[in-house]
Amino acid sequence: MEIFFLSTFGKAFIPKKVRPHLKRFFEKAGFDEIPYHTFGLLFWIGAAISYFIYITSIYTSLQGKSPPVFFSVSFVLFTSLMLGAVFAIGGVGYFWLSMRIFNRTKEMEKKLPDYLTLVSTSLKGGYSFEKALWAAIKPEFGILAKEIGLVSKRVMTGNDVTEALKEFADKYNSPILRRSVNLIIGEIESGGKIVDVIDRVIHNLKKARTLKEEMAASTLTYMIFIAALVMFVMPALFALSFTLFNVISNFLGSIGANMATSPIAALKLSKPSIDANDYRIFTVLAISIISTSSALIISIIEKGNIRSGVKYIPMFLLTSLSLYFILLKAAGKIFGSMIQLG
């Protein structure tokens, strides 16, 4: 009953024109149907977050206002909070689904040469192309096996094999998959020797994979250098700079206080205008930004794309920030007896 209520509520907020595009997007991510109940649940979560922010931050500041002002401002602010929460949650969900689609695509590209090898073997054994596609489906091919299974089912229900393959290739944003399938489709339509084309496609895919692995191996030194610099050297330098800032700030403050009563009081020295806590926030933000960017750069060097670097971000962030706070605490122990750190 609850799931039905959430599904009905979630479906009400999605226009009918958007649903076909949304269904194709979820199919790429591995969902057969649109999870309307999830949309309904996320809407209520956004409403709860907006209500909590409104009660704790806005409601008290509006008390004492005239009723027209109170209700109009409350309506505008609560609506803005609601839209912001929905878009924020939707953005996180879209990012997660995009990464899921990306990982599924990469897995299919990885399994494609092995699958085509079985197809070629079946064709050489006397199978027709349609039967070879079906016979080559094995559980170890995972997502690729499921997608080819859908292609085979479309062919068995009367669809043309070239149209089914083209629909499969266009479903994912994969140049490797699209080029490979287009070569096979072109050979089918021309009536040539499909086995020779599949063998050449397999050879090219394996060669491209080998070249990528060699390129990644040749850039391993640069990746290690960047990782060491970001996770170990950078936190140490920021911790040292923060400690030095506190030492100089307290030193100038002490000198300025003593010189105020001295004959050379005209020479004024005082603490820097920058607050130590603000500087600490700056260092944390700088470390986070540099760590995230470095993880993405390493992904570009290693894999040739930026999305593969998302899995490196938590490791870079946790290592660099943890080391920064450990070194900061150690510096406080060392210099705390001489000068009180801010």
C-alpha atoms as a PDB file:
ATOM      1  CA  MET A   1       0.000   0.000   0.000  1.00  0.00           C
ATOM      2  CA  GLU A   2       2.788   2.431   0.913  1.00  0.00           C
ATOM      3  CA  ILE A   3       4.740   1.629  -2.266  1.00  0.00           C
ATOM      4  CA  PHE A   4       1.565   2.099  -4.338  1.00  0.00           C
ATOM      5  CA  PHE A   5       0.975   5.481  -2.693  1.00  0.00           C
ATOM      6  CA  LEU A   6       4.564   6.591  -3.314  1.00  0.00           C
ATOM      7  CA  SER A   7       4.447   5.336  -6.923  1.00  0.00           C
ATOM      8  CA  THR A   8       1.232   7.216  -7.640  1.00  0.00           C
ATOM      9  CA  PHE A   9       2.600  10.340  -5.989  1.00  0.00           C
ATOM     10  CA  GLY A  10       5.934  10.118  -7.840  1.00  0.00           C
ATOM     11  CA  LYS A  11       4.256   9.508 -11.207  1.00  0.00           C
ATOM     12  CA  ALA A  12       2.106  12.622 -10.735  1.00  0.00           C
ATOM     13  CA  PHE A  13       5.196  14.862 -10.770  1.00  0.00           C
ATOM     14  CA  ILE A  14       6.717  13.445 -13.983  1.00  0.00           C
ATOM     15  CA  PRO A  15       5.202  14.801 -17.251  1.00  0.00           C
ATOM     16  CA  LYS A  16       4.108  12.197 -19.792  1.00  0.00           C
ATOM     17  CA  LYS A  17       6.413  13.646 -22.463  1.00  0.00           C
ATOM     18  CA  VAL A  18       9.432  13.079 -20.226  1.00  0.00           C
ATOM     19  CA  ARG A  19       8.593   9.488 -19.262  1.00  0.00           C
ATOM     20  CA  PRO A  20       9.853   7.760 -22.465  1.00  0.00           C
ATOM     21  CA  HIS A  21      13.227   9.536 -22.218  1.00  0.00           C
ATOM     22  CA  LEU A  22      13.390   8.773 -18.509  1.00  0.00           C
ATOM     23  CA  LYS A  23      12.598   5.112 -19.157  1.00  0.00           C
ATOM     24  CA  ARG A  24      15.469   4.824 -21.672  1.00  0.00           C
ATOM     25  CA  PHE A  25      17.805   6.491 -19.199  1.00  0.00           C
ATOM     26  CA  PHE A  26      16.877   4.020 -16.449  1.00  0.00           C
ATOM     27  CA  GLU A  27      17.191   1.102 -18.877  1.00  0.00           C
ATOM     28  CA  LYS A  28      20.799   2.140 -19.519  1.00  0.00           C
ATOM     29  CA  ALA A  29      21.367   2.009 -15.757  1.00  0.00           C
ATOM     30  CA  GLY A  30      19.937  -1.518 -15.598  1.00  0.00           C
ATOM     31  CA  PHE A  31      16.373  -0.802 -14.429  1.00  0.00           C
ATOM     32  CA  ASP A  32      13.542  -2.296 -16.456  1.00  0.00           C
ATOM     33  CA  GLU A  33      10.977   0.208 -15.191  1.00  0.00           C
ATOM     34  CA  ILE A  34      11.016   3.743 -13.849  1.00  0.00           C
ATOM     35  CA  PRO A  35      11.069   3.574 -10.004  1.00  0.00           C
ATOM     36  CA  TYR A  36       8.221   6.005  -9.435  1.00  0.00           C
ATOM     37  CA  HIS A  37       8.050   5.065  -5.754  1.00  0.00           C
ATOM     38  CA  THR A  38      11.636   6.333  -5.369  1.00  0.00           C
ATOM     39  CA  PHE A  39      10.630   9.690  -6.863  1.00  0.00           C
ATOM     40  CA  GLY A  40       7.745   9.904  -4.422  1.00  0.00           C
ATOM     41  CA  LEU A  41       9.991   8.998  -1.486  1.00  0.00           C
ATOM     42  CA  LEU A  42      12.624  11.574  -2.523  1.00  0.00           C
ATOM     43  CA  PHE A  43       9.929  14.234  -2.769  1.00  0.00           C
ATOM     44  CA  TRP A  44       8.826  13.616   0.811  1.00  0.00           C
ATOM     45  CA  ILE A  45      12.442  13.573   1.990  1.00  0.00           C
ATOM     46  CA  GLY A  46      12.958  16.953   0.316  1.00  0.00           C
ATOM     47  CA  ALA A  47       9.785  18.246   1.970  1.00  0.00           C
ATOM     48  CA  ALA A  48      10.989  17.054   5.386  1.00  0.00           C
ATOM     49  CA  ILE A  49      14.396  18.709   4.931  1.00  0.00           C
ATOM     50  CA  SER A  50      12.750  21.962   3.786  1.00  0.00           C
ATOM     51  CA  TYR A  51      10.347  21.929   6.749  1.00  0.00           C
ATOM     52  CA  PHE A  52      13.199  21.370   9.202  1.00  0.00           C
ATOM     53  CA  ILE A  53      15.238  24.261   7.750  1.00  0.00           C
ATOM     54  CA  TYR A  54      12.158  26.498   7.715  1.00  0.00           C
ATOM     55  CA  ILE A  55      11.241  25.807  11.354  1.00  0.00           C
ATOM     56  CA  THR A  56      14.789  26.109  12.712  1.00  0.00           C
ATOM     57  CA  SER A  57      15.996  29.097  10.679  1.00  0.00           C
ATOM     58  CA  ILE A  58      13.185  31.076   9.051  1.00  0.00           C
ATOM     59  CA  TYR A  59      10.065  30.743  11.195  1.00  0.00           C
ATOM     60  CA  THR A  60      11.555  32.446  14.255  1.00  0.00           C
ATOM     61  CA  SER A  61      12.812  35.416  12.223  1.00  0.00           C
ATOM     62  CA  LEU A  62       9.333  35.971  10.711  1.00  0.00           C
ATOM     63  CA  GLN A  63       7.492  36.032  14.018  1.00  0.00           C
ATOM     64  CA  GLY A  64       6.026  39.424  14.739  1.00  0.00           C
ATOM     65  CA  LYS A  65       5.434  40.248  11.066  1.00  0.00           C
ATOM     66  CA  SER A  66       1.991  41.074   9.776  1.00  0.00           C
ATOM     67  CA  PRO A  67      -0.033  38.065   8.532  1.00  0.00           C
ATOM     68  CA  PRO A  68       0.160  39.010   4.802  1.00  0.00           C
ATOM     69  CA  VAL A  69       3.930  39.451   5.006  1.00  0.00           C
ATOM     70  CA  PHE A  70       4.355  36.314   7.130  1.00  0.00           C
ATOM     71  CA  PHE A  71       2.394  34.043   4.789  1.00  0.00           C
ATOM     72  CA  SER A  72       3.752  35.482   1.532  1.00  0.00           C
ATOM     73  CA  VAL A  73       7.393  35.360   2.641  1.00  0.00           C
ATOM     74  CA  SER A  74       6.906  31.905   4.170  1.00  0.00           C
ATOM     75  CA  PHE A  75       5.374  30.620   0.938  1.00  0.00           C
ATOM     76  CA  VAL A  76       8.187  31.990  -1.228  1.00  0.00           C
ATOM     77  CA  LEU A  77      10.990  30.798   1.054  1.00  0.00           C
ATOM     78  CA  PHE A  78       9.504  27.343   1.695  1.00  0.00           C
ATOM     79  CA  THR A  79       8.895  26.842  -2.030  1.00  0.00           C
ATOM     80  CA  SER A  80      12.473  27.888  -2.770  1.00  0.00           C
ATOM     81  CA  LEU A  81      13.778  25.501  -0.110  1.00  0.00           C
ATOM     82  CA  MET A  82      11.615  22.695  -1.493  1.00  0.00           C
ATOM     83  CA  LEU A  83      12.804  23.239  -5.059  1.00  0.00           C
ATOM     84  CA  GLY A  84      16.411  23.493  -3.902  1.00  0.00           C
ATOM     85  CA  ALA A  85      16.148  20.248  -1.921  1.00  0.00           C
ATOM     86  CA  VAL A  86      14.470  18.411  -4.815  1.00  0.00           C
ATOM     87  CA  PHE A  87      17.076  19.596  -7.325  1.00  0.00           C
ATOM     88  CA  ALA A  88      19.921  18.756  -4.942  1.00  0.00           C
ATOM     89  CA  ILE A  89      18.618  15.233  -4.319  1.00  0.00           C
ATOM     90  CA  GLY A  90      17.866  14.843  -8.021  1.00  0.00           C
ATOM     91  CA  GLY A  91      21.384  15.968  -8.904  1.00  0.00           C
ATOM     92  CA  VAL A  92      22.907  13.387  -6.571  1.00  0.00           C
ATOM     93  CA  GLY A  93      20.640  10.701  -8.052  1.00  0.00           C
ATOM     94  CA  TYR A  94      21.505  11.715 -11.609  1.00  0.00           C
ATOM     95  CA  PHE A  95      25.213  11.581 -10.816  1.00  0.00           C
ATOM     96  CA  TRP A  96      24.842   8.108  -9.280  1.00  0.00           C
ATOM     97  CA  LEU A  97      22.884   6.824 -12.278  1.00  0.00           C
ATOM     98  CA  SER A  98      25.383   8.352 -14.706  1.00  0.00           C
ATOM     99  CA  MET A  99      28.243   6.595 -12.935  1.00  0.00           C
ATOM    100  CA  ARG A 100      26.275   3.345 -12.981  1.00  0.00           C
ATOM    101  CA  ILE A 101      25.715   3.682 -16.739  1.00  0.00           C
ATOM    102  CA  PHE A 102      29.395   4.499 -17.237  1.00  0.00           C
ATOM    103  CA  ASN A 103      30.511   1.421 -15.273  1.00  0.00           C
ATOM    104  CA  ARG A 104      28.059  -0.802 -17.166  1.00  0.00           C
ATOM    105  CA  THR A 105      29.372   0.527 -20.474  1.00  0.00           C
ATOM    106  CA  LYS A 106      32.988  -0.091 -19.506  1.00  0.00           C
ATOM    107  CA  GLU A 107      32.155  -3.620 -18.376  1.00  0.00           C
ATOM    108  CA  MET A 108      30.519  -4.384 -21.729  1.00  0.00           C
ATOM    109  CA  GLU A 109      33.506  -2.979 -23.617  1.00  0.00           C
ATOM    110  CA  LYS A 110      35.781  -5.211 -21.554  1.00  0.00           C
ATOM    111  CA  LYS A 111      33.741  -8.380 -22.236  1.00  0.00           C
ATOM    112  CA  LEU A 112      33.021  -7.648 -25.919  1.00  0.00           C
ATOM    113  CA  PRO A 113      36.152  -9.320 -27.424  1.00  0.00           C
ATOM    114  CA  ASP A 114      35.562 -12.563 -25.513  1.00  0.00           C
ATOM    115  CA  TYR A 115      31.908 -12.621 -26.498  1.00  0.00           C
ATOM    116  CA  LEU A 116      32.674 -12.001 -30.176  1.00  0.00           C
ATOM    117  CA  THR A 117      35.249 -14.795 -30.030  1.00  0.00           C
ATOM    118  CA  LEU A 118      32.499 -17.251 -29.073  1.00  0.00           C
ATOM    119  CA  VAL A 119      30.254 -15.838 -31.804  1.00  0.00           C
ATOM    120  CA  SER A 120      33.014 -16.353 -34.372  1.00  0.00           C
ATOM    121  CA  THR A 121      33.576 -19.921 -33.148  1.00  0.00           C
ATOM    122  CA  SER A 122      29.854 -20.690 -33.435  1.00  0.00           C
ATOM    123  CA  LEU A 123      29.734 -19.247 -36.948  1.00  0.00           C
ATOM    124  CA  LYS A 124      32.687 -21.374 -38.001  1.00  0.00           C
ATOM    125  CA  GLY A 125      30.833 -24.392 -36.575  1.00  0.00           C
ATOM    126  CA  GLY A 126      27.937 -23.843 -38.987  1.00  0.00           C
ATOM    127  CA  TYR A 127      25.525 -21.727 -36.922  1.00  0.00           C
ATOM    128  CA  SER A 128      23.571 -18.896 -38.486  1.00  0.00           C
ATOM    129  CA  PHE A 129      24.399 -15.413 -37.237  1.00  0.00           C
ATOM    130  CA  GLU A 130      21.205 -15.138 -35.152  1.00  0.00           C
ATOM    131  CA  LYS A 131      21.784 -18.524 -33.504  1.00  0.00           C
ATOM    132  CA  ALA A 132      25.468 -17.712 -32.960  1.00  0.00           C
ATOM    133  CA  LEU A 133      24.490 -14.573 -31.036  1.00  0.00           C
ATOM    134  CA  TRP A 134      22.218 -16.620 -28.789  1.00  0.00           C
ATOM    135  CA  ALA A 135      24.637 -19.555 -28.360  1.00  0.00           C
ATOM    136  CA  ALA A 136      27.492 -17.257 -27.291  1.00  0.00           C
ATOM    137  CA  ILE A 137      25.560 -15.840 -24.333  1.00  0.00           C
ATOM    138  CA  LYS A 138      27.222 -17.002 -21.114  1.00  0.00           C
ATOM    139  CA  PRO A 139      26.606 -15.907 -17.490  1.00  0.00           C
ATOM    140  CA  GLU A 140      30.194 -14.667 -17.118  1.00  0.00           C
ATOM    141  CA  PHE A 141      29.524 -11.911 -19.659  1.00  0.00           C
ATOM    142  CA  GLY A 142      27.179 -10.247 -17.173  1.00  0.00           C
ATOM    143  CA  ILE A 143      25.572  -7.069 -18.517  1.00  0.00           C
ATOM    144  CA  LEU A 144      26.646  -7.793 -22.098  1.00  0.00           C
ATOM    145  CA  ALA A 145      24.921 -11.191 -21.948  1.00  0.00           C
ATOM    146  CA  LYS A 146      21.704  -9.535 -20.759  1.00  0.00           C
ATOM    147  CA  GLU A 147      21.782  -6.924 -23.519  1.00  0.00           C
ATOM    148  CA  ILE A 148      22.544  -9.465 -26.256  1.00  0.00           C
ATOM    149  CA  GLY A 149      19.755 -11.607 -24.833  1.00  0.00           C
ATOM    150  CA  LEU A 150      17.361  -8.704 -25.405  1.00  0.00           C
ATOM    151  CA  VAL A 151      18.699  -8.368 -28.970  1.00  0.00           C
ATOM    152  CA  SER A 152      18.123 -12.080 -29.613  1.00  0.00           C
ATOM    153  CA  LYS A 153      14.588 -11.897 -28.214  1.00  0.00           C
ATOM    154  CA  ARG A 154      13.758  -8.982 -30.521  1.00  0.00           C
ATOM    155  CA  VAL A 155      15.067 -10.967 -33.484  1.00  0.00           C
ATOM    156  CA  MET A 156      13.006 -14.025 -32.468  1.00  0.00           C
ATOM    157  CA  THR A 157       9.851 -11.898 -32.263  1.00  0.00           C
ATOM    158  CA  GLY A 158      10.235 -10.736 -35.865  1.00  0.00           C
ATOM    159  CA  ASN A 159      12.550  -7.715 -35.712  1.00  0.00           C
ATOM    160  CA  ASP A 160      15.429  -7.412 -38.145  1.00  0.00           C
ATOM    161  CA  VAL A 161      18.790  -8.404 -36.642  1.00  0.00           C
ATOM    162  CA  THR A 162      20.530  -5.272 -37.972  1.00  0.00           C
ATOM    163  CA  GLU A 163      17.887  -2.990 -36.425  1.00  0.00           C
ATOM    164  CA  ALA A 164      18.117  -4.828 -33.095  1.00  0.00           C
ATOM    165  CA  LEU A 165      21.920  -4.551 -33.087  1.00  0.00           C
ATOM    166  CA  LYS A 166      21.833  -0.876 -34.056  1.00  0.00           C
ATOM    167  CA  GLU A 167      19.355  -0.142 -31.276  1.00  0.00           C
ATOM    168  CA  PHE A 168      21.672  -1.891 -28.830  1.00  0.00           C
ATOM    169  CA  ALA A 169      24.745   0.042 -30.060  1.00  0.00           C
ATOM    170  CA  ASP A 170      22.967   3.407 -29.918  1.00  0.00           C
ATOM    171  CA  LYS A 171      21.653   2.707 -26.424  1.00  0.00           C
ATOM    172  CA  TYR A 172      25.039   3.371 -24.783  1.00  0.00           C
ATOM    173  CA  ASN A 173      27.487   6.198 -25.328  1.00  0.00           C
ATOM    174  CA  SER A 174      30.360   3.923 -26.310  1.00  0.00           C
ATOM    175  CA  PRO A 175      32.352   4.660 -29.491  1.00  0.00           C
ATOM    176  CA  ILE A 176      34.059   1.249 -29.256  1.00  0.00           C
ATOM    177  CA  LEU A 177      30.764  -0.625 -29.042  1.00  0.00           C
ATOM    178  CA  ARG A 178      29.131   1.490 -31.742  1.00  0.00           C
ATOM    179  CA  ARG A 179      31.985   1.140 -34.238  1.00  0.00           C
ATOM    180  CA  SER A 180      32.256  -2.610 -33.693  1.00  0.00           C
ATOM    181  CA  VAL A 181      28.536  -3.203 -34.148  1.00  0.00           C
ATOM    182  CA  ASN A 182      28.367  -0.887 -37.182  1.00  0.00           C
ATOM    183  CA  LEU A 183      31.151  -2.866 -38.884  1.00  0.00           C
ATOM    184  CA  ILE A 184      29.270  -6.109 -38.286  1.00  0.00           C
ATOM    185  CA  ILE A 185      25.983  -4.590 -39.488  1.00  0.00           C
ATOM    186  CA  GLY A 186      27.650  -3.264 -42.642  1.00  0.00           C
ATOM    187  CA  GLU A 187      29.044  -6.696 -43.457  1.00  0.00           C
ATOM    188  CA  ILE A 188      25.642  -8.337 -42.851  1.00  0.00           C
ATOM    189  CA  GLU A 189      23.927  -5.886 -45.190  1.00  0.00           C
ATOM    190  CA  SER A 190      26.584  -6.325 -47.897  1.00  0.00           C
ATOM    191  CA  GLY A 191      26.381 -10.114 -47.663  1.00  0.00           C
ATOM    192  CA  GLY A 192      30.116 -10.618 -47.155  1.00  0.00           C
ATOM    193  CA  LYS A 193      32.006 -12.998 -44.891  1.00  0.00           C
ATOM    194  CA  ILE A 194      30.835 -11.967 -41.471  1.00  0.00           C
ATOM    195  CA  VAL A 195      33.350 -14.271 -39.725  1.00  0.00           C
ATOM    196  CA  ASP A 196      36.342 -12.408 -41.191  1.00  0.00           C
ATOM    197  CA  VAL A 197      34.960  -9.057 -40.067  1.00  0.00           C
ATOM    198  CA  ILE A 198      34.276 -10.336 -36.546  1.00  0.00           C
ATOM    199  CA  ASP A 199      37.810 -11.744 -36.325  1.00  0.00           C
ATOM    200  CA  ARG A 200      39.273  -8.403 -37.398  1.00  0.00           C
ATOM    201  CA  VAL A 201      37.087  -6.574 -34.877  1.00  0.00           C
ATOM    202  CA  ILE A 202      38.288  -8.932 -32.143  1.00  0.00           C
ATOM    203  CA  HIS A 203      41.917  -8.357 -33.149  1.00  0.00           C
ATOM    204  CA  ASN A 204      41.471  -4.564 -33.139  1.00  0.00           C
ATOM    205  CA  LEU A 205      39.702  -4.571 -29.763  1.00  0.00           C
ATOM    206  CA  LYS A 206      42.429  -6.657 -28.142  1.00  0.00           C
ATOM    207  CA  LYS A 207      45.125  -4.512 -29.722  1.00  0.00           C
ATOM    208  CA  ALA A 208      43.465  -1.327 -28.462  1.00  0.00           C
ATOM    209  CA  ARG A 209      43.224  -2.807 -24.957  1.00  0.00           C
ATOM    210  CA  THR A 210      46.925  -3.741 -25.043  1.00  0.00           C
ATOM    211  CA  LEU A 211      47.884  -0.235 -26.161  1.00  0.00           C
ATOM    212  CA  LYS A 212      45.856   1.298 -23.337  1.00  0.00           C
ATOM    213  CA  GLU A 213      47.545  -0.953 -20.796  1.00  0.00           C
ATOM    214  CA  GLU A 214      50.982  -0.046 -22.184  1.00  0.00           C
ATOM    215  CA  MET A 215      50.150   3.666 -22.052  1.00  0.00           C
ATOM    216  CA  ALA A 216      48.960   3.329 -18.451  1.00  0.00           C
ATOM    217  CA  ALA A 217      52.157   1.467 -17.538  1.00  0.00           C
ATOM    218  CA  SER A 218      54.344   4.119 -19.181  1.00  0.00           C
ATOM    219  CA  THR A 219      52.664   6.881 -17.156  1.00  0.00           C
ATOM    220  CA  LEU A 220      52.805   4.983 -13.845  1.00  0.00           C
ATOM    221  CA  THR A 221      55.741   7.103 -12.627  1.00  0.00           C
ATOM    222  CA  TYR A 222      53.783  10.336 -13.140  1.00  0.00           C
ATOM    223  CA  MET A 223      50.744   8.930 -11.352  1.00  0.00           C
ATOM    224  CA  ILE A 224      52.831   7.813  -8.363  1.00  0.00           C
ATOM    225  CA  PHE A 225      54.508  11.231  -8.225  1.00  0.00           C
ATOM    226  CA  ILE A 226      51.173  13.088  -8.279  1.00  0.00           C
ATOM    227  CA  ALA A 227      49.655  10.760  -5.662  1.00  0.00           C
ATOM    228  CA  ALA A 228      52.637  11.103  -3.309  1.00  0.00           C
ATOM    229  CA  LEU A 229      52.711  14.866  -3.760  1.00  0.00           C
ATOM    230  CA  VAL A 230      49.000  15.275  -3.035  1.00  0.00           C
ATOM    231  CA  MET A 231      48.542  12.744  -0.231  1.00  0.00           C
ATOM    232  CA  PHE A 232      51.784  13.314   1.714  1.00  0.00           C
ATOM    233  CA  VAL A 233      53.766  16.400   0.684  1.00  0.00           C
ATOM    234  CA  MET A 234      50.842  18.830   0.324  1.00  0.00           C
ATOM    235  CA  PRO A 235      49.321  18.142   3.791  1.00  0.00           C
ATOM    236  CA  ALA A 236      52.764  18.546   5.377  1.00  0.00           C
ATOM    237  CA  LEU A 237      53.322  21.902   3.672  1.00  0.00           C
ATOM    238  CA  PHE A 238      49.872  23.197   4.619  1.00  0.00           C
ATOM    239  CA  ALA A 239      50.342  22.059   8.223  1.00  0.00           C
ATOM    240  CA  LEU A 240      53.732  23.775   8.305  1.00  0.00           C
ATOM    241  CA  SER A 241      52.324  26.979   6.813  1.00  0.00           C
ATOM    242  CA  PHE A 242      49.453  27.040   9.319  1.00  0.00           C
ATOM    243  CA  THR A 243      51.868  26.499  12.223  1.00  0.00           C
ATOM    244  CA  LEU A 244      54.172  29.212  10.882  1.00  0.00           C
ATOM    245  CA  PHE A 245      51.212  31.564  10.517  1.00  0.00           C
ATOM    246  CA  ASN A 246      50.246  31.036  14.170  1.00  0.00           C
ATOM    247  CA  VAL A 247      53.821  31.449  15.374  1.00  0.00           C
ATOM    248  CA  ILE A 248      54.339  34.709  13.470  1.00  0.00           C
ATOM    249  CA  SER A 249      50.867  35.990  14.409  1.00  0.00           C
ATOM    250  CA  ASN A 250      51.407  35.431  18.136  1.00  0.00           C
ATOM    251  CA  PHE A 251      54.976  36.715  17.935  1.00  0.00           C
ATOM    252  CA  LEU A 252      53.886  39.980  16.272  1.00  0.00           C
ATOM    253  CA  GLY A 253      51.051  40.334  18.779  1.00  0.00           C
ATOM    254  CA  SER A 254      53.437  39.962  21.715  1.00  0.00           C
ATOM    255  CA  ILE A 255      55.979  42.386  20.234  1.00  0.00           C
ATOM    256  CA  GLY A 256      53.243  44.919  19.451  1.00  0.00           C
ATOM    257  CA  ALA A 257      51.902  44.785  23.023  1.00  0.00           C
ATOM    258  CA  ASN A 258      55.378  45.350  24.507  1.00  0.00           C
ATOM    259  CA  MET A 259      56.249  48.173  22.096  1.00  0.00           C
ATOM    260  CA  ALA A 260      53.062  50.064  22.969  1.00  0.00           C
ATOM    261  CA  THR A 261      54.683  51.212  26.249  1.00  0.00           C
ATOM    262  CA  SER A 262      58.224  51.599  24.901  1.00  0.00           C
ATOM    263  CA  PRO A 263      59.919  54.820  23.656  1.00  0.00           C
ATOM    264  CA  ILE A 264      59.529  53.605  20.068  1.00  0.00           C
ATOM    265  CA  ALA A 265      55.768  53.217  20.342  1.00  0.00           C
ATOM    266  CA  ALA A 266      55.416  55.007  17.024  1.00  0.00           C
ATOM    267  CA  LEU A 267      56.491  51.780  15.362  1.00  0.00           C
ATOM    268  CA  LYS A 268      53.298  49.738  15.484  1.00  0.00           C
ATOM    269  CA  LEU A 269      53.286  45.974  15.148  1.00  0.00           C
ATOM    270  CA  SER A 270      50.138  43.881  15.533  1.00  0.00           C
ATOM    271  CA  LYS A 271      48.655  40.517  14.627  1.00  0.00           C
ATOM    272  CA  PRO A 272      47.685  39.922  10.973  1.00  0.00           C
ATOM    273  CA  SER A 273      44.111  40.786  10.101  1.00  0.00           C
ATOM    274  CA  ILE A 274      43.496  37.187   8.954  1.00  0.00           C
ATOM    275  CA  ASP A 275      41.882  35.019  11.615  1.00  0.00           C
ATOM    276  CA  ALA A 276      43.515  31.656  12.366  1.00  0.00           C
ATOM    277  CA  ASN A 277      40.212  29.789  12.063  1.00  0.00           C
ATOM    278  CA  ASP A 278      39.574  31.341   8.646  1.00  0.00           C
ATOM    279  CA  TYR A 279      43.040  30.280   7.546  1.00  0.00           C
ATOM    280  CA  ARG A 280      42.367  26.749   8.798  1.00  0.00           C
ATOM    281  CA  ILE A 281      39.142  26.604   6.764  1.00  0.00           C
ATOM    282  CA  PHE A 282      41.063  27.836   3.721  1.00  0.00           C
ATOM    283  CA  THR A 283      43.688  25.100   4.097  1.00  0.00           C
ATOM    284  CA  VAL A 284      41.031  22.382   4.438  1.00  0.00           C
ATOM    285  CA  LEU A 285      39.173  23.643   1.366  1.00  0.00           C
ATOM    286  CA  ALA A 286      42.409  23.930  -0.606  1.00  0.00           C
ATOM    287  CA  ILE A 287      43.463  20.379   0.287  1.00  0.00           C
ATOM    288  CA  SER A 288      40.009  19.055  -0.648  1.00  0.00           C
ATOM    289  CA  ILE A 289      39.958  20.819  -4.013  1.00  0.00           C
ATOM    290  CA  ILE A 290      43.531  19.838  -4.906  1.00  0.00           C
ATOM    291  CA  SER A 291      42.962  16.211  -3.851  1.00  0.00           C
ATOM    292  CA  THR A 292      39.778  15.932  -5.902  1.00  0.00           C
ATOM    293  CA  SER A 293      41.377  17.527  -8.958  1.00  0.00           C
ATOM    294  CA  SER A 294      44.446  15.306  -8.678  1.00  0.00           C
ATOM    295  CA  ALA A 295      42.309  12.162  -8.516  1.00  0.00           C
ATOM    296  CA  LEU A 296      40.556  13.207 -11.719  1.00  0.00           C
ATOM    297  CA  ILE A 297      43.860  14.083 -13.418  1.00  0.00           C
ATOM    298  CA  ILE A 298      45.282  10.667 -12.566  1.00  0.00           C
ATOM    299  CA  SER A 299      42.149   9.102 -14.047  1.00  0.00           C
ATOM    300  CA  ILE A 300      42.655  11.017 -17.285  1.00  0.00           C
ATOM    301  CA  ILE A 301      46.288   9.893 -17.450  1.00  0.00           C
ATOM    302  CA  GLU A 302      45.512   6.256 -16.623  1.00  0.00           C
ATOM    303  CA  LYS A 303      42.111   5.617 -18.251  1.00  0.00           C
ATOM    304  CA  GLY A 304      41.694   8.486 -20.682  1.00  0.00           C
ATOM    305  CA  ASN A 305      38.441   9.689 -19.079  1.00  0.00           C
ATOM    306  CA  ILE A 306      37.487  11.700 -16.035  1.00  0.00           C
ATOM    307  CA  ARG A 307      34.669   9.541 -14.646  1.00  0.00           C
ATOM    308  CA  SER A 308      36.958   6.674 -13.659  1.00  0.00           C
ATOM    309  CA  GLY A 309      38.637   9.005 -11.180  1.00  0.00           C
ATOM    310  CA  VAL A 310      35.561   9.303  -8.972  1.00  0.00           C
ATOM    311  CA  LYS A 311      36.539   6.100  -7.130  1.00  0.00           C
ATOM    312  CA  TYR A 312      39.935   7.642  -6.264  1.00  0.00           C
ATOM    313  CA  ILE A 313      38.473  10.790  -4.680  1.00  0.00           C
ATOM    314  CA  PRO A 314      37.573   9.307  -1.234  1.00  0.00           C
ATOM    315  CA  MET A 315      41.035   7.737  -0.873  1.00  0.00           C
ATOM    316  CA  PHE A 316      42.808  10.994  -1.782  1.00  0.00           C
ATOM    317  CA  LEU A 317      40.576  13.099   0.458  1.00  0.00           C
ATOM    318  CA  LEU A 318      40.756  10.828   3.502  1.00  0.00           C
ATOM    319  CA  THR A 319      44.519  10.334   3.275  1.00  0.00           C
ATOM    320  CA  SER A 320      45.453  13.975   2.694  1.00  0.00           C
ATOM    321  CA  LEU A 321      43.036  15.443   5.271  1.00  0.00           C
ATOM    322  CA  SER A 322      43.874  12.808   7.901  1.00  0.00           C
ATOM    323  CA  LEU A 323      47.595  13.423   7.516  1.00  0.00           C
ATOM    324  CA  TYR A 324      47.017  17.184   7.617  1.00  0.00           C
ATOM    325  CA  PHE A 325      45.183  17.057  10.956  1.00  0.00           C
ATOM    326  CA  ILE A 326      47.705  14.580  12.406  1.00  0.00           C
ATOM    327  CA  LEU A 327      50.637  16.842  11.460  1.00  0.00           C
ATOM    328  CA  LEU A 328      48.749  19.877  12.716  1.00  0.00           C
ATOM    329  CA  LYS A 329      48.251  18.232  16.096  1.00  0.00           C
ATOM    330  CA  ALA A 330      51.900  17.171  16.208  1.00  0.00           C
ATOM    331  CA  ALA A 331      52.995  20.727  15.428  1.00  0.00           C
ATOM    332  CA  GLY A 332      50.763  22.003  18.216  1.00  0.00           C
ATOM    333  CA  LYS A 333      52.474  19.637  20.669  1.00  0.00           C
ATOM    334  CA  ILE A 334      55.952  20.730  19.538  1.00  0.00           C
ATOM    335  CA  PHE A 335      55.415  24.504  19.470  1.00  0.00           C
ATOM    336  CA  GLY A 336      52.697  24.746  22.121  1.00  0.00           C
ATOM    337  CA  SER A 337      55.206  24.977  24.956  1.00  0.00           C
ATOM    338  CA  MET A 338      56.966  27.945  23.333  1.00  0.00           C
ATOM    339  CA  ILE A 339      54.132  29.901  21.747  1.00  0.00           C
ATOM    340  CA  GLN A 340      50.409  29.302  22.159  1.00  0.00           C
ATOM    341  CA  LEU A 341      48.987  28.351  18.781  1.00  0.00           C
ATOM    342  CA  GLY A 342      45.832  30.013  17.565  1.00  0.00           C
END
